[in-house]
Protein backbone atom coordinates (compact mmCIF):
# COMPACT_ATOMS: atom_id res chain seq x y z
CA MET A 1 103.96 110.29 85.20
CA GLN A 2 104.35 108.93 88.72
CA SER A 3 105.44 112.35 89.99
CA LEU A 4 102.33 113.96 88.47
CA ARG A 5 100.14 111.43 90.29
CA THR A 6 101.95 112.13 93.57
CA ILE A 7 101.52 115.88 93.11
CA CYS A 8 97.77 115.40 92.54
CA TRP A 9 97.44 113.27 95.70
CA VAL A 10 99.37 115.85 97.75
CA ILE A 11 97.13 118.68 96.47
CA LEU A 12 94.03 116.61 97.28
CA ALA A 13 95.32 115.85 100.79
CA ILE A 14 96.05 119.52 101.44
CA ALA A 15 92.59 120.53 100.17
CA LEU A 16 90.88 117.94 102.40
CA THR A 17 92.91 119.09 105.41
CA ILE A 18 91.97 122.73 104.83
CA PHE A 19 88.33 121.70 104.34
CA ALA A 20 88.36 119.73 107.61
CA LEU A 21 89.93 122.60 109.54
CA PHE A 22 87.41 125.19 108.36
CA ASN A 23 84.37 122.91 108.87
CA SER A 24 84.99 121.55 112.34
CA GLN A 25 81.85 122.87 114.04
CA PRO A 26 79.67 120.07 115.49
CA VAL A 27 76.39 119.19 113.80
CA ALA A 28 73.55 117.20 115.41
CA VAL A 29 72.26 114.33 113.28
CA ALA A 30 69.15 112.35 114.26
CA VAL A 31 70.14 108.79 113.37
CA TRP A 32 67.20 106.94 114.98
CA PRO A 33 64.29 108.25 116.99
CA GLY A 34 65.73 109.11 120.36
CA TYR A 35 69.34 108.91 119.22
CA VAL A 36 71.21 112.04 118.14
CA ALA A 37 74.84 111.91 117.03
CA GLU A 38 76.99 115.01 117.12
CA LEU A 39 79.72 114.95 114.51
CA PRO A 40 81.99 117.58 113.02
CA LEU A 41 80.59 118.80 109.70
CA SER A 42 83.68 117.70 107.76
CA ILE A 43 83.41 114.13 109.08
CA LEU A 44 79.71 114.03 108.25
CA ILE A 45 80.30 115.19 104.68
CA LEU A 46 83.11 112.66 104.19
CA LEU A 47 80.93 109.84 105.59
CA VAL A 48 78.09 110.74 103.24
CA PHE A 49 80.53 110.80 100.32
CA ILE A 50 81.89 107.36 101.22
CA ILE A 51 78.39 105.92 101.67
CA GLY A 52 77.41 107.22 98.23
CA PHE A 53 80.65 106.07 96.62
CA LEU A 54 80.81 102.49 97.91
CA PRO A 55 77.79 100.81 96.19
CA PRO A 56 78.74 101.80 92.61
CA PHE A 57 82.39 101.03 93.34
CA LEU A 58 81.60 97.55 94.64
CA PHE A 59 79.25 96.94 91.70
CA ASN A 60 82.02 97.95 89.29
CA MET A 61 84.54 95.71 91.04
CA GLY A 62 82.13 92.77 90.74
CA ASN A 63 81.68 93.43 87.03
CA ARG A 64 85.44 93.68 86.50
CA TRP A 65 85.98 90.39 88.35
CA ARG A 66 83.25 88.65 86.33
CA LEU A 67 84.54 89.98 83.01
CA GLY A 68 88.10 89.05 83.97
CA ARG A 69 86.97 85.46 84.52
CA LYS A 70 85.21 85.44 81.13
CA ILE A 71 88.34 86.76 79.43
CA ALA A 72 90.48 84.10 81.11
CA VAL A 73 88.14 81.35 79.89
CA GLN A 74 88.19 82.76 76.36
CA GLU A 75 92.00 82.93 76.41
CA GLN A 76 92.12 79.27 77.42
CA VAL A 77 89.84 78.38 74.51
CA ILE A 78 92.06 80.35 72.11
CA THR A 79 95.21 78.57 73.33
CA GLN A 80 93.48 75.20 72.94
CA LEU A 81 92.42 76.07 69.41
CA ARG A 82 95.92 77.21 68.49
CA ALA A 83 97.55 74.07 69.87
CA PRO A 84 99.28 72.07 67.14
CA VAL A 85 97.59 68.89 66.01
CA ASN A 86 99.43 65.69 66.85
CA SER A 87 101.47 64.82 63.73
CA ASN A 88 101.53 61.05 64.49
CA GLU A 89 97.89 60.76 63.59
CA THR A 90 97.56 60.82 59.83
CA ALA A 91 94.28 61.33 58.19
CA THR A 92 93.22 58.28 56.22
CA PRO A 93 90.90 58.87 53.33
CA THR A 94 87.60 57.08 53.53
CA PRO A 95 86.58 55.06 50.48
């Protein structure tokens, strides 16, 4: 399974390299009024992808962290409920 994952990453890296080589012409991007940045097209497309990918990714990581904390608290409660009752204390019937 690990070799399949490595093969996929190698194919992705080769595809990104080919994409970057064929799309290396500079593109002018107006960032602010009076400021124009010239970037290669491949870099611009990758930056836009990363900018679009980061907010949902960070939101998902926050949810996973929060849910992980909830699960840990619930596991502690379960272990406390499963703990054996002290056998030295005997229940005395009330009259």
